[in-house]
N, C-alpha and C. Protein backbone atom coordinates (compact mmCIF):
# COMPACT_ATOMS: atom_id res chain seq x y z
N MET A 1 15.41 20.59 5.15
CA MET A 1 14.68 21.40 4.20
C MET A 1 14.70 20.70 2.85
N LEU A 2 13.59 20.74 2.15
CA LEU A 2 13.51 20.10 0.84
C LEU A 2 14.17 20.95 -0.22
N ASN A 3 14.95 20.32 -1.06
CA ASN A 3 15.58 21.01 -2.17
C ASN A 3 14.59 21.05 -3.33
N PRO A 4 14.12 22.23 -3.74
CA PRO A 4 13.12 22.30 -4.81
C PRO A 4 13.63 21.78 -6.15
N GLU A 5 14.93 21.75 -6.35
CA GLU A 5 15.46 21.23 -7.61
C GLU A 5 15.35 19.71 -7.68
N LEU A 6 15.45 19.03 -6.52
CA LEU A 6 15.34 17.58 -6.50
C LEU A 6 13.89 17.11 -6.53
N LEU A 7 13.00 17.85 -5.89
CA LEU A 7 11.60 17.45 -5.81
C LEU A 7 10.70 18.58 -6.29
N PRO A 8 10.68 18.85 -7.58
CA PRO A 8 9.92 20.01 -8.06
C PRO A 8 8.40 19.83 -7.94
N PHE A 9 7.91 18.61 -7.81
CA PHE A 9 6.47 18.40 -7.73
C PHE A 9 5.95 18.52 -6.30
N PHE A 10 6.82 18.60 -5.32
CA PHE A 10 6.41 18.59 -3.91
C PHE A 10 6.55 19.99 -3.34
N THR A 11 5.45 20.54 -2.83
CA THR A 11 5.49 21.84 -2.17
C THR A 11 5.08 21.66 -0.72
N ALA A 12 5.25 22.70 0.06
CA ALA A 12 4.86 22.64 1.47
C ALA A 12 3.36 22.43 1.61
N GLU A 13 2.58 22.97 0.67
CA GLU A 13 1.13 22.80 0.70
C GLU A 13 0.73 21.35 0.41
N ASP A 14 1.55 20.64 -0.37
CA ASP A 14 1.26 19.23 -0.67
C ASP A 14 1.46 18.33 0.54
N PHE A 15 2.22 18.79 1.51
CA PHE A 15 2.52 17.95 2.66
C PHE A 15 1.26 17.54 3.42
N ILE A 16 0.28 18.45 3.51
CA ILE A 16 -0.95 18.12 4.22
C ILE A 16 -1.68 16.98 3.52
N TYR A 17 -1.63 16.95 2.17
CA TYR A 17 -2.26 15.85 1.43
C TYR A 17 -1.50 14.55 1.66
N PHE A 18 -0.20 14.63 1.77
CA PHE A 18 0.60 13.44 2.05
C PHE A 18 0.20 12.82 3.38
N ILE A 19 0.00 13.65 4.39
CA ILE A 19 -0.37 13.17 5.71
C ILE A 19 -1.75 12.51 5.67
N PHE A 20 -2.71 13.15 5.00
CA PHE A 20 -4.07 12.62 4.98
C PHE A 20 -4.22 11.40 4.07
N LEU A 21 -3.42 11.30 3.04
CA LEU A 21 -3.59 10.23 2.06
C LEU A 21 -2.61 9.08 2.23
N SER A 22 -1.71 9.18 3.17
CA SER A 22 -0.75 8.08 3.33
C SER A 22 -1.40 6.96 4.14
N ASN A 23 -0.88 5.77 3.94
CA ASN A 23 -1.42 4.60 4.64
C ASN A 23 -0.34 3.98 5.52
N ASN A 24 0.28 4.80 6.33
CA ASN A 24 1.39 4.33 7.17
C ASN A 24 0.95 3.27 8.17
N ALA A 25 -0.22 3.42 8.76
CA ALA A 25 -0.67 2.43 9.74
C ALA A 25 -0.91 1.08 9.07
N HIS A 26 -1.48 1.09 7.90
CA HIS A 26 -1.72 -0.15 7.17
C HIS A 26 -0.39 -0.81 6.79
N PHE A 27 0.54 -0.02 6.31
CA PHE A 27 1.86 -0.54 5.94
C PHE A 27 2.56 -1.13 7.16
N ALA A 28 2.49 -0.44 8.28
CA ALA A 28 3.14 -0.92 9.50
C ALA A 28 2.52 -2.22 9.97
N ALA A 29 1.19 -2.31 9.95
CA ALA A 29 0.53 -3.54 10.39
C ALA A 29 0.88 -4.71 9.49
N SER A 30 0.91 -4.48 8.17
CA SER A 30 1.27 -5.55 7.24
C SER A 30 2.72 -5.99 7.45
N THR A 31 3.60 -5.05 7.70
CA THR A 31 5.00 -5.37 7.91
C THR A 31 5.19 -6.18 9.19
N VAL A 32 4.53 -5.77 10.26
CA VAL A 32 4.64 -6.51 11.51
C VAL A 32 4.11 -7.93 11.33
N ARG A 33 2.96 -8.07 10.64
CA ARG A 33 2.40 -9.41 10.40
C ARG A 33 3.37 -10.27 9.61
N LEU A 34 4.02 -9.69 8.60
CA LEU A 34 4.94 -10.47 7.77
C LEU A 34 6.18 -10.88 8.55
N TYR A 35 6.79 -9.95 9.25
CA TYR A 35 8.07 -10.23 9.90
C TYR A 35 7.94 -10.99 11.22
N THR A 36 6.74 -11.09 11.78
CA THR A 36 6.57 -11.87 13.00
C THR A 36 5.98 -13.25 12.72
N LYS A 37 5.66 -13.52 11.48
CA LYS A 37 5.13 -14.84 11.12
C LYS A 37 6.24 -15.88 11.22
N PRO A 38 5.98 -16.99 11.90
CA PRO A 38 7.01 -18.03 12.00
C PRO A 38 7.37 -18.58 10.61
N ASP A 39 8.64 -18.76 10.37
CA ASP A 39 9.18 -19.32 9.13
C ASP A 39 8.82 -18.49 7.90
N ALA A 40 8.68 -17.18 8.05
CA ALA A 40 8.39 -16.33 6.89
C ALA A 40 9.58 -16.28 5.95
N HIS A 41 10.78 -16.39 6.51
CA HIS A 41 11.98 -16.35 5.65
C HIS A 41 12.04 -17.57 4.74
N GLY A 42 11.66 -18.71 5.24
CA GLY A 42 11.70 -19.92 4.44
C GLY A 42 10.53 -20.05 3.47
N SER A 43 9.34 -19.60 3.89
CA SER A 43 8.16 -19.77 3.03
C SER A 43 7.96 -18.63 2.05
N MET A 44 8.43 -17.42 2.36
CA MET A 44 8.24 -16.26 1.48
C MET A 44 9.53 -15.45 1.37
N PRO A 45 10.61 -16.02 0.84
CA PRO A 45 11.88 -15.29 0.83
C PRO A 45 11.85 -14.05 -0.06
N PHE A 46 11.16 -14.12 -1.19
CA PHE A 46 11.10 -12.95 -2.08
C PHE A 46 10.37 -11.80 -1.40
N LEU A 47 9.22 -12.10 -0.81
CA LEU A 47 8.41 -11.08 -0.17
C LEU A 47 9.11 -10.46 1.03
N LYS A 48 9.85 -11.28 1.76
CA LYS A 48 10.48 -10.78 2.98
C LYS A 48 11.82 -10.10 2.73
N MET A 49 12.60 -10.57 1.79
CA MET A 49 13.96 -10.06 1.64
C MET A 49 14.15 -9.18 0.40
N LEU A 50 13.64 -9.62 -0.74
CA LEU A 50 13.95 -8.93 -1.99
C LEU A 50 12.98 -7.80 -2.32
N LEU A 51 11.71 -7.98 -2.07
CA LEU A 51 10.73 -6.95 -2.41
C LEU A 51 10.98 -5.63 -1.69
N PRO A 52 11.33 -5.61 -0.39
CA PRO A 52 11.65 -4.32 0.24
C PRO A 52 12.83 -3.61 -0.41
N LEU A 53 13.84 -4.35 -0.85
CA LEU A 53 14.98 -3.72 -1.53
C LEU A 53 14.57 -3.14 -2.88
N ILE A 54 13.73 -3.85 -3.60
CA ILE A 54 13.23 -3.35 -4.89
C ILE A 54 12.41 -2.09 -4.67
N ALA A 55 11.54 -2.11 -3.65
CA ALA A 55 10.72 -0.94 -3.36
C ALA A 55 11.58 0.27 -2.99
N LEU A 56 12.60 0.07 -2.17
CA LEU A 56 13.50 1.18 -1.83
C LEU A 56 14.23 1.70 -3.05
N GLY A 57 14.64 0.81 -3.94
CA GLY A 57 15.30 1.24 -5.17
C GLY A 57 14.38 2.07 -6.05
N VAL A 58 13.14 1.64 -6.20
CA VAL A 58 12.18 2.39 -7.02
C VAL A 58 11.89 3.75 -6.40
N ILE A 59 11.72 3.79 -5.08
CA ILE A 59 11.46 5.06 -4.42
C ILE A 59 12.66 6.00 -4.54
N THR A 60 13.86 5.47 -4.45
CA THR A 60 15.06 6.29 -4.64
C THR A 60 15.11 6.86 -6.05
N LEU A 61 14.83 6.03 -7.04
CA LEU A 61 14.77 6.53 -8.42
C LEU A 61 13.74 7.63 -8.56
N CYS A 62 12.59 7.44 -7.94
CA CYS A 62 11.53 8.45 -8.03
C CYS A 62 11.92 9.76 -7.37
N MET A 63 12.75 9.69 -6.34
CA MET A 63 13.21 10.92 -5.70
C MET A 63 14.21 11.67 -6.59
N PHE A 64 15.09 10.95 -7.24
CA PHE A 64 16.10 11.61 -8.06
C PHE A 64 15.56 12.03 -9.43
N TYR A 65 14.56 11.34 -9.92
CA TYR A 65 13.94 11.69 -11.21
C TYR A 65 12.47 11.99 -10.97
N ALA A 66 12.22 12.97 -10.12
CA ALA A 66 10.86 13.27 -9.67
C ALA A 66 9.95 13.75 -10.80
N ASP A 67 10.52 14.42 -11.79
CA ASP A 67 9.66 14.95 -12.85
C ASP A 67 9.07 13.85 -13.73
N THR A 68 9.74 12.72 -13.86
CA THR A 68 9.19 11.63 -14.69
C THR A 68 8.75 10.46 -13.82
N TRP A 69 9.65 9.86 -13.08
CA TRP A 69 9.34 8.68 -12.29
C TRP A 69 8.43 9.02 -11.11
N GLY A 70 8.65 10.17 -10.49
CA GLY A 70 7.86 10.55 -9.33
C GLY A 70 6.39 10.73 -9.65
N SER A 71 6.10 11.38 -10.76
CA SER A 71 4.70 11.57 -11.13
C SER A 71 4.04 10.24 -11.48
N ASN A 72 4.79 9.33 -12.08
CA ASN A 72 4.23 8.01 -12.38
C ASN A 72 3.96 7.22 -11.10
N LEU A 73 4.86 7.31 -10.13
CA LEU A 73 4.64 6.61 -8.86
C LEU A 73 3.43 7.19 -8.14
N ARG A 74 3.28 8.50 -8.16
CA ARG A 74 2.13 9.12 -7.53
C ARG A 74 0.84 8.68 -8.21
N ALA A 75 0.84 8.63 -9.53
CA ALA A 75 -0.35 8.17 -10.26
C ALA A 75 -0.67 6.72 -9.93
N LEU A 76 0.36 5.88 -9.84
CA LEU A 76 0.15 4.49 -9.47
C LEU A 76 -0.45 4.38 -8.07
N TYR A 77 0.08 5.16 -7.14
CA TYR A 77 -0.44 5.13 -5.77
C TYR A 77 -1.90 5.55 -5.73
N PHE A 78 -2.25 6.64 -6.42
CA PHE A 78 -3.62 7.15 -6.37
C PHE A 78 -4.61 6.24 -7.09
N THR A 79 -4.14 5.42 -8.02
CA THR A 79 -5.06 4.47 -8.66
C THR A 79 -5.11 3.15 -7.90
N TRP A 80 -3.99 2.72 -7.33
CA TRP A 80 -3.97 1.45 -6.62
C TRP A 80 -4.65 1.53 -5.26
N SER A 81 -4.45 2.61 -4.55
CA SER A 81 -4.93 2.71 -3.18
C SER A 81 -6.45 2.53 -3.05
N PRO A 82 -7.29 3.20 -3.84
CA PRO A 82 -8.74 2.96 -3.70
C PRO A 82 -9.13 1.52 -4.03
N TYR A 83 -8.51 0.95 -5.05
CA TYR A 83 -8.80 -0.45 -5.40
C TYR A 83 -8.43 -1.38 -4.24
N HIS A 84 -7.26 -1.15 -3.67
CA HIS A 84 -6.76 -1.99 -2.59
C HIS A 84 -7.68 -1.91 -1.37
N TYR A 85 -8.07 -0.70 -0.99
CA TYR A 85 -8.92 -0.55 0.18
C TYR A 85 -10.32 -1.09 -0.07
N ALA A 86 -10.84 -0.99 -1.29
CA ALA A 86 -12.14 -1.57 -1.60
C ALA A 86 -12.08 -3.09 -1.49
N ALA A 87 -11.01 -3.69 -1.98
CA ALA A 87 -10.86 -5.15 -1.88
C ALA A 87 -10.72 -5.57 -0.42
N GLN A 88 -10.02 -4.79 0.38
CA GLN A 88 -9.90 -5.11 1.80
C GLN A 88 -11.24 -5.01 2.51
N ALA A 89 -12.01 -3.97 2.18
CA ALA A 89 -13.32 -3.82 2.81
C ALA A 89 -14.23 -5.00 2.45
N TYR A 90 -14.17 -5.45 1.21
CA TYR A 90 -14.95 -6.61 0.80
C TYR A 90 -14.50 -7.85 1.58
N GLY A 91 -13.21 -8.08 1.65
CA GLY A 91 -12.71 -9.26 2.36
C GLY A 91 -13.07 -9.25 3.83
N LEU A 92 -12.96 -8.09 4.46
CA LEU A 92 -13.33 -8.00 5.87
C LEU A 92 -14.81 -8.23 6.09
N SER A 93 -15.64 -7.70 5.21
CA SER A 93 -17.08 -7.89 5.38
C SER A 93 -17.46 -9.36 5.19
N VAL A 94 -16.85 -10.05 4.23
CA VAL A 94 -17.12 -11.48 4.05
C VAL A 94 -16.63 -12.26 5.27
N MET A 95 -15.47 -11.90 5.78
CA MET A 95 -14.93 -12.59 6.96
C MET A 95 -15.85 -12.40 8.17
N TYR A 96 -16.34 -11.18 8.39
CA TYR A 96 -17.22 -10.95 9.53
C TYR A 96 -18.57 -11.64 9.35
N CYS A 97 -19.03 -11.75 8.11
CA CYS A 97 -20.26 -12.50 7.87
C CYS A 97 -20.08 -13.96 8.26
N TYR A 98 -18.99 -14.56 7.84
CA TYR A 98 -18.73 -15.96 8.20
C TYR A 98 -18.55 -16.14 9.69
N ARG A 99 -17.87 -15.21 10.34
CA ARG A 99 -17.66 -15.31 11.79
C ARG A 99 -18.97 -15.20 12.57
N SER A 100 -19.92 -14.43 12.03
CA SER A 100 -21.19 -14.25 12.73
C SER A 100 -22.19 -15.36 12.40
N GLY A 101 -21.79 -16.27 11.52
CA GLY A 101 -22.66 -17.40 11.19
C GLY A 101 -23.52 -17.16 9.96
N CYS A 102 -23.34 -16.06 9.31
CA CYS A 102 -24.11 -15.75 8.10
C CYS A 102 -23.40 -16.38 6.90
N GLN A 103 -24.04 -17.34 6.28
CA GLN A 103 -23.46 -18.00 5.11
C GLN A 103 -23.85 -17.22 3.86
N LEU A 104 -22.88 -16.76 3.12
CA LEU A 104 -23.12 -15.98 1.92
C LEU A 104 -23.10 -16.87 0.69
N GLY A 105 -24.09 -16.71 -0.14
CA GLY A 105 -24.11 -17.41 -1.41
C GLY A 105 -23.41 -16.57 -2.47
N VAL A 106 -23.36 -17.09 -3.69
CA VAL A 106 -22.70 -16.37 -4.78
C VAL A 106 -23.40 -15.04 -5.05
N ALA A 107 -24.75 -15.05 -5.04
CA ALA A 107 -25.49 -13.83 -5.30
C ALA A 107 -25.24 -12.79 -4.20
N ASN A 108 -25.17 -13.25 -2.94
CA ASN A 108 -24.90 -12.32 -1.84
C ASN A 108 -23.51 -11.70 -1.96
N LYS A 109 -22.53 -12.51 -2.31
CA LYS A 109 -21.18 -11.97 -2.48
C LYS A 109 -21.11 -10.99 -3.63
N ARG A 110 -21.81 -11.29 -4.70
CA ARG A 110 -21.83 -10.37 -5.85
C ARG A 110 -22.48 -9.06 -5.46
N MET A 111 -23.57 -9.14 -4.69
CA MET A 111 -24.26 -7.92 -4.27
C MET A 111 -23.39 -7.12 -3.29
N LEU A 112 -22.66 -7.82 -2.45
CA LEU A 112 -21.79 -7.16 -1.49
C LEU A 112 -20.68 -6.44 -2.21
């Protein structure tokens, strides 16, 4: 059961938004790609070892100081997520164009 004193911004009604707005599948796919890549430890030590610890530390702080840090983390997530998915959609569309043999010029990429 959630302690309302620790997480005053989170209600049972907010849980449905958490389920619909979370990107767990994307996070899982990125994590699997990172950790199954050969020599990821040697080529990306910060990304593989230190960044997850930093992220867990920030999330822990946000849980204990939900009224200040938690709202800032939520605002960051809601502003970053649409930008991130738009950039991914652009990258995927350019990749599929190249795979299908369609060569995109600068004007085509700008329009896309």
